[in-house]
Amino acid sequence: MKKILLILAAVFLVTGLSACIGVQEGNKESPPISEKPNDNPKQNDGQDEGPSGEPVDDPAKDRPNTKTDMIILEGMEESFQFTLHHSQALGFSTYIVDDMVVEEASSGEGDTMIVFANFAGKRNEDAKVQIFSKSEGTNATIEEQAEFAREVVLSNDFEIKQRSDNTPNRFDWSEVEFDISQKGSDYSILGTVSVFQHGDRVYYAIVQYPEEYEEGFIPRVVKMFDDIVWYETP
């Protein structure tokens, strides 16, 4: 567990936990992610091939590369452009709104997809959602993944906020969920950690954002999750 924690904490650190909010003029900006996006040769144009070399139909892969869709922001529907992203390593495709950017990284321990806010063309590494799962065949239970996520956020100077027993989950897909925060003299970063399962794999998603981003960022994240279609298992 210590080896896994060190590796995942390193991935989380290099993706940019800023000492202050990156969008404010003159504030310190986070360093860019040091790992290059995953060059896994399994990531292709979205189609698998069967034994005969013929394409295999898969709803997660047979989707338009772009689309126009609506997101509700502050009670009003707004139109956005989206681009299809295939996360071959995590086992799904989804649409990412065009004012966000996505990167992936993999190691022997697991696979990570990170989506950053890129509003007005400026990437903010304090506003991101990071989805992680152990490599296929080496999965954790819901409880183990939740505990691991707690250790990761605590090691990166977040506090875990207490919820009352009757507090509903923020995200419909969560099986375990808890809130996090990180505050400084001139910034406040909030977030929620969601642990969920699909098939035999267990995932966590760490959603974090500057406090003033909440109304614009969270609807984009929810839309991304709503648009997930899982790859069919062979």
Protein backbone atom coordinates (compact mmCIF):
# COMPACT_ATOMS: atom_id res chain seq x y z
CA MET A 1 0.00 0.00 0.00
CA LYS A 2 2.88 2.45 0.79
CA LYS A 3 4.36 1.90 -2.68
CA ILE A 4 0.99 2.49 -4.38
CA LEU A 5 0.32 5.58 -2.26
CA LEU A 6 3.69 7.15 -3.12
CA ILE A 7 3.15 6.60 -6.85
CA LEU A 8 -0.41 7.96 -6.91
CA ALA A 9 0.41 10.86 -4.59
CA ALA A 10 3.21 11.80 -7.01
CA VAL A 11 0.77 11.79 -9.95
CA PHE A 12 -1.67 13.93 -8.00
CA LEU A 13 1.06 16.38 -6.94
CA VAL A 14 2.48 17.02 -10.41
CA THR A 15 -0.94 17.78 -11.84
CA GLY A 16 -0.89 21.06 -10.01
CA LEU A 17 -2.11 21.71 -6.50
CA SER A 18 -1.40 25.45 -6.57
CA ALA A 19 -0.61 27.49 -3.50
CA CYS A 20 -3.14 30.00 -4.79
CA ILE A 21 -5.87 30.30 -7.41
CA GLY A 22 -4.39 30.29 -10.88
CA VAL A 23 -6.93 32.63 -12.45
CA GLN A 24 -6.10 35.59 -10.23
CA GLU A 25 -3.69 38.13 -11.71
CA GLY A 26 -0.19 37.83 -10.30
CA ASN A 27 -0.80 34.68 -8.32
CA LYS A 28 1.56 31.72 -8.42
CA GLU A 29 0.64 29.16 -11.08
CA SER A 30 0.91 25.40 -10.67
CA PRO A 31 3.60 23.49 -12.57
CA PRO A 32 2.40 21.53 -15.61
CA ILE A 33 1.92 17.81 -15.38
CA SER A 34 5.27 16.07 -15.77
CA GLU A 35 3.96 12.85 -17.26
CA LYS A 36 3.10 12.97 -20.93
CA PRO A 37 -0.39 11.88 -21.98
CA ASN A 38 -0.61 8.15 -22.30
CA ASP A 39 0.72 6.84 -25.60
CA ASN A 40 -0.88 3.44 -25.07
CA PRO A 41 -1.06 1.84 -28.52
CA LYS A 42 -4.46 0.41 -27.56
CA GLN A 43 -5.90 3.90 -27.97
CA ASN A 44 -7.08 3.99 -31.54
CA ASP A 45 -9.80 5.52 -33.63
CA GLY A 46 -12.46 3.99 -31.43
CA GLN A 47 -12.93 0.59 -33.05
CA ASP A 48 -11.67 -2.82 -31.99
CA GLU A 49 -10.99 -5.56 -34.48
CA GLY A 50 -12.21 -9.11 -34.21
CA PRO A 51 -10.15 -12.23 -35.05
CA SER A 52 -10.82 -11.77 -38.76
CA GLY A 53 -9.71 -8.14 -38.71
CA GLU A 54 -13.27 -6.85 -39.13
CA PRO A 55 -14.36 -3.96 -36.87
CA VAL A 56 -16.32 -4.96 -33.77
CA ASP A 57 -19.40 -2.86 -33.02
CA ASP A 58 -19.20 -1.15 -29.63
CA PRO A 59 -21.61 1.65 -28.64
CA ALA A 60 -18.85 3.41 -26.68
CA LYS A 61 -16.72 3.65 -29.81
CA ASP A 62 -19.29 4.18 -32.53
CA ARG A 63 -20.04 7.80 -31.59
CA PRO A 64 -19.61 11.09 -33.48
CA ASN A 65 -16.26 12.76 -32.84
CA THR A 66 -17.92 16.08 -32.00
CA LYS A 67 -21.35 17.30 -30.95
CA THR A 68 -23.23 20.39 -29.84
CA ASP A 69 -25.16 20.04 -26.59
CA MET A 70 -26.60 22.04 -23.71
CA ILE A 71 -25.38 22.60 -20.15
CA ILE A 72 -27.48 24.37 -17.53
CA LEU A 73 -25.44 27.13 -15.88
CA GLU A 74 -27.03 29.25 -13.16
CA GLY A 75 -30.48 28.06 -14.23
CA MET A 76 -30.00 28.91 -17.92
CA GLU A 77 -29.31 26.51 -20.79
CA GLU A 78 -26.17 27.32 -22.73
CA SER A 79 -24.92 25.68 -25.93
CA PHE A 80 -21.41 24.18 -26.01
CA GLN A 81 -19.24 22.24 -28.41
CA PHE A 82 -17.96 18.86 -27.23
CA THR A 83 -15.22 16.51 -28.42
CA LEU A 84 -15.31 12.74 -27.93
CA HIS A 85 -12.53 11.34 -25.75
CA HIS A 86 -11.66 7.66 -25.60
CA SER A 87 -10.15 6.47 -22.33
CA GLN A 88 -9.09 3.04 -23.49
CA ALA A 89 -7.22 2.42 -20.23
CA LEU A 90 -10.21 3.22 -18.02
CA GLY A 91 -12.70 1.49 -20.30
CA PHE A 92 -15.08 4.18 -21.54
CA SER A 93 -15.62 7.09 -23.89
CA THR A 94 -17.22 10.41 -23.05
CA TYR A 95 -17.61 13.93 -24.40
CA ILE A 96 -15.45 16.75 -23.04
CA VAL A 97 -16.68 20.32 -23.40
CA ASP A 98 -14.30 22.35 -25.56
CA ASP A 99 -13.32 24.75 -22.76
CA MET A 100 -11.74 21.89 -20.84
CA VAL A 101 -8.65 19.82 -21.65
CA VAL A 102 -7.90 16.18 -20.88
CA GLU A 103 -4.72 14.22 -20.21
CA GLU A 104 -4.06 10.60 -19.31
CA ALA A 105 -1.24 8.81 -17.52
CA SER A 106 -0.66 5.14 -16.77
CA SER A 107 1.77 3.16 -14.66
CA GLY A 108 2.04 -0.42 -13.53
CA GLU A 109 -0.20 0.48 -10.59
CA GLY A 110 -3.14 2.03 -12.40
CA ASP A 111 -4.64 4.43 -14.91
CA THR A 112 -5.53 8.10 -14.49
CA MET A 113 -7.57 10.54 -16.59
CA ILE A 114 -7.41 14.22 -15.60
CA VAL A 115 -9.69 16.93 -17.03
CA PHE A 116 -8.74 20.56 -16.38
CA ALA A 117 -10.78 23.73 -16.75
CA ASN A 118 -9.48 25.75 -19.69
CA PHE A 119 -11.88 28.68 -19.59
CA ALA A 120 -11.03 31.50 -22.03
CA GLY A 121 -8.07 29.39 -23.17
CA LYS A 122 -6.35 29.49 -19.76
CA ARG A 123 -5.78 26.13 -18.10
CA ASN A 124 -6.41 26.17 -14.35
CA GLU A 125 -4.90 23.21 -12.55
CA ASP A 126 -6.85 23.97 -9.39
CA ALA A 127 -10.08 23.19 -11.27
CA LYS A 128 -9.96 19.55 -12.35
CA VAL A 129 -11.44 16.11 -12.05
CA GLN A 130 -9.09 13.15 -11.71
CA ILE A 131 -10.43 9.64 -12.33
CA PHE A 132 -8.27 6.70 -11.22
CA SER A 133 -8.55 2.93 -11.24
CA LYS A 134 -6.03 0.23 -10.57
CA SER A 135 -4.95 -1.75 -13.59
CA GLU A 136 -7.36 -4.44 -14.69
CA GLY A 137 -6.84 -7.63 -12.72
CA THR A 138 -5.38 -5.82 -9.67
CA ASN A 139 -8.50 -4.04 -8.47
CA ALA A 140 -9.51 -2.86 -5.02
CA THR A 141 -12.78 -3.07 -3.15
CA ILE A 142 -15.00 -0.01 -2.71
CA GLU A 143 -13.77 0.36 0.88
CA GLU A 144 -10.09 0.00 -0.08
CA GLN A 145 -10.41 2.52 -2.90
CA ALA A 146 -12.20 5.00 -0.62
CA GLU A 147 -9.47 4.69 2.02
CA PHE A 148 -6.79 5.09 -0.61
CA ALA A 149 -8.47 8.24 -1.96
CA ARG A 150 -8.61 9.66 1.58
CA GLU A 151 -4.89 9.08 2.01
CA VAL A 152 -4.15 10.74 -1.33
CA VAL A 153 -6.09 13.94 -0.61
CA LEU A 154 -4.77 14.19 2.96
CA SER A 155 -1.19 13.81 1.71
CA ASN A 156 -1.82 16.80 -0.56
CA ASP A 157 -2.92 19.11 2.27
CA PHE A 158 -6.66 18.78 1.82
CA GLU A 159 -8.99 18.43 4.77
CA ILE A 160 -11.88 15.98 4.75
CA LYS A 161 -15.10 17.74 5.72
CA GLN A 162 -17.55 15.99 8.00
CA ARG A 163 -21.02 15.26 6.69
CA SER A 164 -24.11 14.47 8.68
CA ASP A 165 -25.43 10.95 8.35
CA ASN A 166 -28.44 12.03 6.30
CA THR A 167 -26.51 14.18 3.80
CA PRO A 168 -27.34 12.94 0.26
CA ASN A 169 -24.58 12.21 -2.20
CA ARG A 170 -23.69 15.05 -4.52
CA PHE A 171 -23.26 12.74 -7.51
CA ASP A 172 -25.80 10.05 -8.40
CA TRP A 173 -23.15 7.51 -9.39
CA SER A 174 -21.26 7.57 -6.05
CA GLU A 175 -21.19 4.51 -3.83
CA VAL A 176 -18.95 6.28 -1.30
CA GLU A 177 -18.55 10.04 -1.23
CA PHE A 178 -16.91 12.72 0.94
CA ASP A 179 -16.11 16.42 0.63
CA ILE A 180 -12.68 18.05 0.78
CA SER A 181 -11.33 21.57 1.15
CA GLN A 182 -8.05 23.47 1.15
CA LYS A 183 -7.89 27.08 2.31
CA GLY A 184 -5.19 29.74 2.33
CA SER A 185 -5.07 33.42 3.16
CA ASP A 186 -6.28 34.40 -0.31
CA TYR A 187 -7.77 31.25 -1.84
CA SER A 188 -10.26 28.49 -1.15
CA ILE A 189 -10.39 25.18 -3.03
CA LEU A 190 -13.38 22.92 -2.52
CA GLY A 191 -14.15 19.47 -3.81
CA THR A 192 -15.82 16.10 -3.58
CA VAL A 193 -14.35 12.60 -3.82
CA SER A 194 -16.58 9.97 -5.42
CA VAL A 195 -15.89 6.23 -5.34
CA PHE A 196 -17.87 4.06 -7.74
CA GLN A 197 -17.77 0.70 -9.49
CA HIS A 198 -18.39 -0.55 -13.01
CA GLY A 199 -18.12 -4.24 -13.68
CA ASP A 200 -15.10 -5.63 -11.86
CA ARG A 201 -13.26 -2.30 -11.63
CA VAL A 202 -13.50 0.27 -8.84
CA TYR A 203 -12.76 3.94 -9.55
CA TYR A 204 -12.39 7.14 -7.62
CA ALA A 205 -12.92 10.64 -8.96
CA ILE A 206 -11.40 13.63 -7.15
CA VAL A 207 -13.30 16.75 -8.19
CA GLN A 208 -11.71 20.02 -7.03
CA TYR A 209 -12.16 23.67 -7.95
CA PRO A 210 -11.65 27.23 -6.66
CA GLU A 211 -14.73 28.23 -4.69
CA GLU A 212 -15.80 30.83 -7.24
CA TYR A 213 -15.73 28.20 -10.02
CA GLU A 214 -18.43 25.99 -8.48
CA GLU A 215 -21.44 27.11 -10.52
CA GLY A 216 -19.59 26.85 -13.83
CA PHE A 217 -17.33 23.85 -13.23
CA ILE A 218 -19.60 21.29 -11.54
CA PRO A 219 -22.25 21.24 -14.33
CA ARG A 220 -19.47 20.52 -16.85
CA VAL A 221 -18.21 17.63 -14.72
CA VAL A 222 -21.71 16.18 -14.28
CA LYS A 223 -22.28 16.40 -18.03
CA MET A 224 -19.02 14.53 -18.67
CA PHE A 225 -20.11 11.70 -16.37
CA ASP A 226 -23.62 11.64 -17.84
CA ASP A 227 -22.07 11.18 -21.30
CA ILE A 228 -19.93 8.17 -20.32
CA VAL A 229 -20.58 5.00 -22.33
CA TRP A 230 -18.64 1.97 -21.12
CA TYR A 231 -16.79 -0.28 -23.53
CA GLU A 232 -18.31 -3.68 -24.00
CA THR A 233 -16.31 -6.46 -22.40
CA PRO A 234 -15.16 -9.16 -24.80
